[in-house]
N, C-alpha and C. Protein backbone atom coordinates (compact mmCIF):
# COMPACT_ATOMS: atom_id res chain seq x y z
N MET A 1 14.91 -9.78 -16.52
CA MET A 1 13.85 -8.85 -16.14
C MET A 1 12.49 -9.51 -16.38
N PRO A 2 11.59 -9.50 -15.37
CA PRO A 2 10.29 -10.14 -15.52
C PRO A 2 9.44 -9.45 -16.59
N GLN A 3 8.65 -10.25 -17.27
CA GLN A 3 7.74 -9.70 -18.27
C GLN A 3 6.47 -9.18 -17.59
N VAL A 4 5.87 -8.18 -18.21
CA VAL A 4 4.62 -7.63 -17.71
C VAL A 4 3.48 -8.51 -18.19
N ALA A 5 2.76 -9.12 -17.26
CA ALA A 5 1.64 -10.00 -17.60
C ALA A 5 0.36 -9.20 -17.81
N GLU A 6 0.23 -8.09 -17.06
CA GLU A 6 -0.99 -7.29 -17.14
C GLU A 6 -0.70 -5.89 -16.62
N ILE A 7 -1.35 -4.90 -17.24
CA ILE A 7 -1.24 -3.53 -16.76
C ILE A 7 -2.62 -3.08 -16.31
N LEU A 8 -2.70 -2.68 -15.03
CA LEU A 8 -3.94 -2.17 -14.46
C LEU A 8 -3.83 -0.66 -14.37
N ARG A 9 -4.86 0.03 -14.77
CA ARG A 9 -4.83 1.49 -14.77
C ARG A 9 -5.73 2.04 -13.68
N GLY A 10 -5.18 2.98 -12.93
CA GLY A 10 -5.92 3.64 -11.86
C GLY A 10 -5.60 5.11 -11.86
N ARG A 11 -5.55 5.68 -10.69
CA ARG A 11 -5.28 7.11 -10.52
C ARG A 11 -4.05 7.25 -9.62
N GLY A 12 -3.03 7.89 -10.13
CA GLY A 12 -1.83 8.13 -9.34
C GLY A 12 -2.06 9.25 -8.35
N LEU A 13 -1.82 8.97 -7.06
CA LEU A 13 -2.04 9.98 -6.02
C LEU A 13 -0.75 10.42 -5.35
N SER A 14 0.27 9.57 -5.36
CA SER A 14 1.57 9.93 -4.82
C SER A 14 2.62 9.43 -5.80
N ARG A 15 3.46 10.34 -6.25
CA ARG A 15 4.41 10.03 -7.32
C ARG A 15 5.49 9.06 -6.87
N GLY A 16 6.10 8.46 -7.87
CA GLY A 16 7.21 7.56 -7.64
C GLY A 16 6.91 6.19 -8.21
N VAL A 17 7.94 5.36 -8.26
CA VAL A 17 7.83 4.02 -8.80
C VAL A 17 8.46 3.05 -7.80
N ALA A 18 7.80 1.93 -7.57
CA ALA A 18 8.34 0.90 -6.68
C ALA A 18 7.88 -0.46 -7.17
N LYS A 19 8.71 -1.45 -6.90
CA LYS A 19 8.39 -2.83 -7.27
C LYS A 19 8.55 -3.70 -6.04
N GLY A 20 7.72 -4.73 -5.94
CA GLY A 20 7.86 -5.63 -4.81
C GLY A 20 6.81 -6.70 -4.78
N GLU A 21 6.88 -7.52 -3.73
CA GLU A 21 5.91 -8.58 -3.52
C GLU A 21 4.63 -7.98 -2.94
N LEU A 22 3.51 -8.41 -3.46
CA LEU A 22 2.21 -7.87 -3.07
C LEU A 22 1.72 -8.49 -1.77
N LEU A 23 1.34 -7.64 -0.83
CA LEU A 23 0.62 -8.05 0.37
C LEU A 23 -0.81 -7.59 0.17
N LEU A 24 -1.70 -8.51 -0.09
CA LEU A 24 -3.09 -8.20 -0.40
C LEU A 24 -3.96 -8.40 0.83
N ALA A 25 -4.64 -7.33 1.25
CA ALA A 25 -5.57 -7.38 2.38
C ALA A 25 -6.95 -6.98 1.87
N THR A 26 -7.97 -7.68 2.29
CA THR A 26 -9.32 -7.35 1.83
C THR A 26 -10.09 -6.48 2.83
N ASP A 27 -9.52 -6.30 4.02
CA ASP A 27 -10.15 -5.44 5.03
C ASP A 27 -9.58 -4.02 4.94
N ALA A 28 -10.41 -3.02 5.23
CA ALA A 28 -9.91 -1.64 5.35
C ALA A 28 -8.86 -1.61 6.46
N LEU A 29 -7.97 -0.63 6.40
CA LEU A 29 -6.85 -0.61 7.35
C LEU A 29 -6.70 0.77 7.98
N SER A 30 -6.54 0.77 9.30
CA SER A 30 -6.19 1.98 10.03
C SER A 30 -4.72 1.90 10.38
N PHE A 31 -3.94 2.89 10.00
CA PHE A 31 -2.53 2.88 10.36
C PHE A 31 -2.36 3.21 11.84
N LEU A 32 -3.23 4.07 12.40
CA LEU A 32 -3.16 4.38 13.82
C LEU A 32 -3.78 3.23 14.61
N GLY A 33 -2.95 2.48 15.31
CA GLY A 33 -3.41 1.35 16.09
C GLY A 33 -3.53 0.06 15.31
N GLY A 34 -3.46 0.14 13.99
CA GLY A 34 -3.59 -1.05 13.16
C GLY A 34 -2.26 -1.58 12.66
N VAL A 35 -1.24 -0.71 12.64
CA VAL A 35 0.09 -1.10 12.17
C VAL A 35 1.10 -0.60 13.21
N ASP A 36 1.99 -1.48 13.64
CA ASP A 36 3.02 -1.10 14.60
C ASP A 36 4.06 -0.26 13.88
N PRO A 37 4.21 1.03 14.27
CA PRO A 37 5.13 1.93 13.55
C PRO A 37 6.60 1.57 13.72
N GLU A 38 6.92 0.75 14.72
CA GLU A 38 8.32 0.35 14.94
C GLU A 38 8.71 -0.85 14.09
N THR A 39 7.75 -1.77 13.86
CA THR A 39 8.06 -3.02 13.16
C THR A 39 7.43 -3.13 11.78
N GLY A 40 6.36 -2.38 11.53
CA GLY A 40 5.64 -2.49 10.26
C GLY A 40 4.68 -3.66 10.21
N VAL A 41 4.43 -4.30 11.34
CA VAL A 41 3.53 -5.46 11.39
C VAL A 41 2.10 -4.98 11.63
N ILE A 42 1.16 -5.56 10.90
CA ILE A 42 -0.26 -5.25 11.10
C ILE A 42 -0.70 -5.93 12.39
N VAL A 43 -1.16 -5.11 13.34
CA VAL A 43 -1.50 -5.61 14.68
C VAL A 43 -2.99 -5.51 14.99
N GLU A 44 -3.77 -5.00 14.05
CA GLU A 44 -5.21 -4.87 14.30
C GLU A 44 -5.84 -6.26 14.46
N ARG A 45 -6.45 -6.48 15.63
CA ARG A 45 -7.07 -7.78 15.91
C ARG A 45 -8.18 -8.08 14.91
N GLY A 46 -8.13 -9.28 14.36
CA GLY A 46 -9.18 -9.72 13.44
C GLY A 46 -8.98 -9.28 12.01
N HIS A 47 -7.98 -8.43 11.75
CA HIS A 47 -7.73 -7.99 10.37
C HIS A 47 -7.23 -9.18 9.57
N ASP A 48 -7.63 -9.29 8.31
CA ASP A 48 -7.25 -10.46 7.52
C ASP A 48 -5.75 -10.56 7.26
N ALA A 49 -5.00 -9.46 7.48
CA ALA A 49 -3.54 -9.49 7.32
C ALA A 49 -2.82 -9.36 8.68
N GLU A 50 -3.54 -9.58 9.77
CA GLU A 50 -2.94 -9.48 11.10
C GLU A 50 -1.69 -10.36 11.18
N GLY A 51 -0.61 -9.78 11.73
CA GLY A 51 0.63 -10.51 11.91
C GLY A 51 1.59 -10.44 10.74
N ARG A 52 1.16 -9.86 9.64
CA ARG A 52 2.02 -9.76 8.45
C ARG A 52 2.69 -8.39 8.42
N SER A 53 3.89 -8.34 7.88
CA SER A 53 4.65 -7.09 7.81
C SER A 53 4.41 -6.38 6.49
N VAL A 54 4.25 -5.06 6.56
CA VAL A 54 4.10 -4.24 5.36
C VAL A 54 5.46 -3.79 4.82
N ALA A 55 6.53 -4.00 5.58
CA ALA A 55 7.85 -3.48 5.24
C ALA A 55 8.31 -3.97 3.88
N ASP A 56 8.63 -3.03 3.01
CA ASP A 56 9.17 -3.29 1.67
C ASP A 56 8.23 -4.08 0.78
N ARG A 57 6.98 -4.19 1.14
CA ARG A 57 5.99 -4.89 0.32
C ARG A 57 5.14 -3.85 -0.39
N VAL A 58 4.48 -4.25 -1.47
CA VAL A 58 3.47 -3.41 -2.09
C VAL A 58 2.17 -3.78 -1.38
N LEU A 59 1.65 -2.84 -0.61
CA LEU A 59 0.49 -3.07 0.24
C LEU A 59 -0.78 -2.68 -0.50
N ALA A 60 -1.66 -3.65 -0.72
CA ALA A 60 -2.95 -3.39 -1.38
C ALA A 60 -4.07 -3.67 -0.39
N PHE A 61 -4.96 -2.69 -0.24
CA PHE A 61 -6.11 -2.83 0.64
C PHE A 61 -7.20 -1.90 0.12
N PRO A 62 -8.47 -2.17 0.45
CA PRO A 62 -9.55 -1.41 -0.17
C PRO A 62 -9.50 0.09 0.10
N ARG A 63 -9.34 0.46 1.39
CA ARG A 63 -9.34 1.87 1.77
C ARG A 63 -8.84 1.98 3.20
N GLY A 64 -8.46 3.18 3.56
CA GLY A 64 -8.06 3.43 4.94
C GLY A 64 -9.27 3.70 5.80
N LYS A 65 -9.02 3.71 7.10
CA LYS A 65 -10.08 4.06 8.06
C LYS A 65 -9.40 4.64 9.29
N GLY A 66 -10.15 5.33 10.08
CA GLY A 66 -9.64 5.80 11.35
C GLY A 66 -9.15 7.23 11.35
N SER A 67 -8.34 7.52 12.35
CA SER A 67 -7.90 8.87 12.68
C SER A 67 -6.96 9.47 11.64
N THR A 68 -7.00 10.79 11.55
CA THR A 68 -6.08 11.50 10.66
C THR A 68 -4.63 11.35 11.10
N VAL A 69 -4.40 10.93 12.34
CA VAL A 69 -3.05 10.67 12.81
C VAL A 69 -2.42 9.52 12.03
N GLY A 70 -3.25 8.71 11.37
CA GLY A 70 -2.75 7.62 10.54
C GLY A 70 -1.77 8.09 9.48
N SER A 71 -1.94 9.32 8.98
CA SER A 71 -1.00 9.88 7.99
C SER A 71 0.40 9.95 8.58
N TYR A 72 0.48 10.36 9.83
CA TYR A 72 1.78 10.49 10.50
C TYR A 72 2.37 9.12 10.84
N VAL A 73 1.52 8.13 11.08
CA VAL A 73 2.02 6.77 11.33
C VAL A 73 2.66 6.23 10.05
N LEU A 74 2.04 6.48 8.91
CA LEU A 74 2.62 6.06 7.63
C LEU A 74 3.97 6.74 7.42
N TYR A 75 4.04 8.00 7.74
CA TYR A 75 5.32 8.74 7.66
C TYR A 75 6.34 8.15 8.63
N GLN A 76 5.91 7.82 9.84
CA GLN A 76 6.80 7.23 10.84
C GLN A 76 7.31 5.86 10.38
N LEU A 77 6.46 5.07 9.72
CA LEU A 77 6.91 3.79 9.17
C LEU A 77 8.08 4.01 8.21
N GLU A 78 7.97 5.03 7.39
CA GLU A 78 9.06 5.35 6.44
C GLU A 78 10.32 5.75 7.19
N ARG A 79 10.18 6.61 8.17
CA ARG A 79 11.34 7.07 8.96
C ARG A 79 12.02 5.90 9.69
N ASN A 80 11.24 4.89 10.07
CA ASN A 80 11.77 3.73 10.78
C ASN A 80 12.26 2.63 9.83
N GLY A 81 12.14 2.85 8.53
CA GLY A 81 12.61 1.88 7.55
C GLY A 81 11.75 0.64 7.41
N VAL A 82 10.48 0.73 7.80
CA VAL A 82 9.57 -0.42 7.73
C VAL A 82 8.28 -0.10 6.97
N ALA A 83 8.33 0.88 6.09
CA ALA A 83 7.15 1.29 5.33
C ALA A 83 6.94 0.38 4.13
N PRO A 84 5.71 0.36 3.62
CA PRO A 84 5.49 -0.35 2.37
C PRO A 84 6.25 0.33 1.23
N ALA A 85 6.67 -0.45 0.24
CA ALA A 85 7.35 0.11 -0.93
C ALA A 85 6.38 0.97 -1.74
N ALA A 86 5.11 0.55 -1.78
CA ALA A 86 4.06 1.26 -2.50
C ALA A 86 2.72 0.84 -1.91
N VAL A 87 1.68 1.60 -2.25
CA VAL A 87 0.33 1.31 -1.78
C VAL A 87 -0.62 1.31 -2.97
N ILE A 88 -1.53 0.35 -2.96
CA ILE A 88 -2.62 0.28 -3.95
C ILE A 88 -3.93 0.24 -3.16
N ASN A 89 -4.86 1.11 -3.54
CA ASN A 89 -6.20 1.12 -2.93
C ASN A 89 -7.26 1.01 -4.00
N GLU A 90 -8.41 0.46 -3.62
CA GLU A 90 -9.57 0.54 -4.50
C GLU A 90 -10.06 1.99 -4.51
N GLU A 91 -10.19 2.56 -3.31
CA GLU A 91 -10.62 3.95 -3.19
C GLU A 91 -9.88 4.58 -2.02
N SER A 92 -8.86 5.35 -2.34
CA SER A 92 -8.06 5.98 -1.30
C SER A 92 -8.82 7.16 -0.71
N GLU A 93 -8.49 7.47 0.54
CA GLU A 93 -9.05 8.64 1.17
C GLU A 93 -7.90 9.51 1.67
N ALA A 94 -8.21 10.66 2.22
CA ALA A 94 -7.20 11.66 2.55
C ALA A 94 -6.12 11.16 3.51
N ILE A 95 -6.48 10.33 4.48
CA ILE A 95 -5.51 9.88 5.49
C ILE A 95 -4.36 9.12 4.82
N VAL A 96 -4.69 8.14 4.00
CA VAL A 96 -3.67 7.34 3.32
C VAL A 96 -2.94 8.18 2.27
N ALA A 97 -3.67 8.98 1.50
CA ALA A 97 -3.05 9.78 0.45
C ALA A 97 -2.04 10.78 1.02
N VAL A 98 -2.41 11.48 2.07
CA VAL A 98 -1.50 12.46 2.67
C VAL A 98 -0.29 11.76 3.27
N GLY A 99 -0.50 10.64 3.95
CA GLY A 99 0.61 9.88 4.52
C GLY A 99 1.57 9.39 3.47
N ALA A 100 1.05 8.90 2.35
CA ALA A 100 1.90 8.42 1.26
C ALA A 100 2.72 9.56 0.66
N VAL A 101 2.09 10.71 0.45
CA VAL A 101 2.82 11.86 -0.08
C VAL A 101 3.91 12.30 0.88
N MET A 102 3.57 12.42 2.17
CA MET A 102 4.55 12.84 3.18
C MET A 102 5.74 11.88 3.23
N ALA A 103 5.48 10.59 3.09
CA ALA A 103 6.51 9.57 3.20
C ALA A 103 7.20 9.26 1.87
N GLY A 104 6.70 9.83 0.78
CA GLY A 104 7.30 9.55 -0.53
C GLY A 104 7.03 8.13 -1.01
N ILE A 105 5.87 7.60 -0.66
CA ILE A 105 5.48 6.24 -1.05
C ILE A 105 4.54 6.32 -2.25
N PRO A 106 4.88 5.68 -3.37
CA PRO A 106 3.97 5.69 -4.52
C PRO A 106 2.61 5.12 -4.14
N LEU A 107 1.55 5.78 -4.61
CA LEU A 107 0.18 5.36 -4.31
C LEU A 107 -0.68 5.46 -5.55
N VAL A 108 -1.38 4.37 -5.84
CA VAL A 108 -2.35 4.33 -6.94
C VAL A 108 -3.66 3.83 -6.38
N ASP A 109 -4.76 4.50 -6.74
CA ASP A 109 -6.07 3.98 -6.37
C ASP A 109 -6.91 3.78 -7.62
N GLY A 110 -8.12 3.26 -7.44
CA GLY A 110 -8.98 2.96 -8.57
C GLY A 110 -8.66 1.61 -9.20
N VAL A 111 -7.97 0.75 -8.46
CA VAL A 111 -7.61 -0.59 -8.93
C VAL A 111 -8.43 -1.61 -8.14
N ALA A 112 -9.10 -2.51 -8.84
CA ALA A 112 -9.90 -3.55 -8.18
C ALA A 112 -8.97 -4.59 -7.56
N LEU A 113 -9.14 -4.84 -6.27
CA LEU A 113 -8.33 -5.84 -5.58
C LEU A 113 -8.53 -7.23 -6.18
N SER A 114 -9.69 -7.46 -6.77
CA SER A 114 -9.96 -8.77 -7.38
C SER A 114 -9.05 -9.05 -8.57
N ASP A 115 -8.37 -8.02 -9.08
CA ASP A 115 -7.43 -8.20 -10.19
C ASP A 115 -6.02 -8.52 -9.70
N LEU A 116 -5.83 -8.61 -8.39
CA LEU A 116 -4.51 -8.82 -7.80
C LEU A 116 -4.44 -10.16 -7.07
N VAL A 117 -3.23 -10.70 -6.97
CA VAL A 117 -3.00 -11.98 -6.28
C VAL A 117 -1.94 -11.78 -5.22
N ASP A 118 -2.27 -12.13 -3.98
CA ASP A 118 -1.33 -12.02 -2.88
C ASP A 118 -0.04 -12.76 -3.21
N GLY A 119 1.10 -12.13 -2.93
CA GLY A 119 2.39 -12.74 -3.16
C GLY A 119 2.96 -12.55 -4.54
N SER A 120 2.17 -12.00 -5.47
CA SER A 120 2.68 -11.78 -6.82
C SER A 120 3.64 -10.60 -6.82
N SER A 121 4.40 -10.48 -7.89
CA SER A 121 5.34 -9.38 -8.04
C SER A 121 4.66 -8.28 -8.87
N VAL A 122 4.68 -7.05 -8.35
CA VAL A 122 4.04 -5.94 -9.04
C VAL A 122 4.96 -4.72 -9.04
N ARG A 123 4.71 -3.85 -10.01
CA ARG A 123 5.41 -2.57 -10.12
C ARG A 123 4.36 -1.48 -10.12
N VAL A 124 4.47 -0.54 -9.20
CA VAL A 124 3.50 0.54 -9.04
C VAL A 124 4.14 1.85 -9.51
N ASP A 125 3.45 2.55 -10.39
CA ASP A 125 3.92 3.85 -10.87
C ASP A 125 2.88 4.89 -10.46
N GLY A 126 3.18 5.59 -9.36
CA GLY A 126 2.25 6.59 -8.85
C GLY A 126 2.17 7.83 -9.72
N SER A 127 3.13 8.02 -10.59
CA SER A 127 3.08 9.17 -11.49
C SER A 127 2.11 8.94 -12.64
N SER A 128 2.11 7.72 -13.19
CA SER A 128 1.23 7.42 -14.33
C SER A 128 -0.08 6.77 -13.90
N GLY A 129 -0.15 6.31 -12.63
CA GLY A 129 -1.36 5.65 -12.15
C GLY A 129 -1.50 4.22 -12.64
N THR A 130 -0.38 3.54 -12.88
CA THR A 130 -0.45 2.17 -13.38
C THR A 130 0.14 1.18 -12.37
N VAL A 131 -0.39 -0.03 -12.45
CA VAL A 131 0.13 -1.16 -11.68
C VAL A 131 0.42 -2.26 -12.70
N GLU A 132 1.67 -2.66 -12.77
CA GLU A 132 2.07 -3.74 -13.67
C GLU A 132 2.19 -5.02 -12.87
N VAL A 133 1.43 -6.03 -13.26
CA VAL A 133 1.54 -7.35 -12.66
C VAL A 133 2.61 -8.08 -13.46
N LEU A 134 3.67 -8.49 -12.76
CA LEU A 134 4.81 -9.10 -13.44
C LEU A 134 4.66 -10.61 -13.43
N GLY A 135 4.99 -11.25 -14.55
CA GLY A 135 4.83 -12.70 -14.64
C GLY A 135 6.08 -13.41 -15.03
């Protein structure tokens, strides 16, 4: 079992616990038009994570943007088996929070992305609002 290298504290917005490889994006993300709901691949042109899959990854990005339909796209990703295992935001907004709750995806916000490293292994606890960086 990996040791916990660091514990980051934020605000739990959607309950549950998930562990996985971190996909770190520094651009805000719109799920409607920005993520393919069939494949889980980020398709937004020019996005710093364009072409990468969110499926089974812990997806960290600053905040959501775009239409409220994005909540349903996040739910559809879950129904299609290509949703992120968990989500970390610096500052979550209603679109991402509602989508995560609907899809049962753990969500923590209030975590600085500068404290995270793309590709690292993390454990997200949406009930306690913690992110454990595993080393």
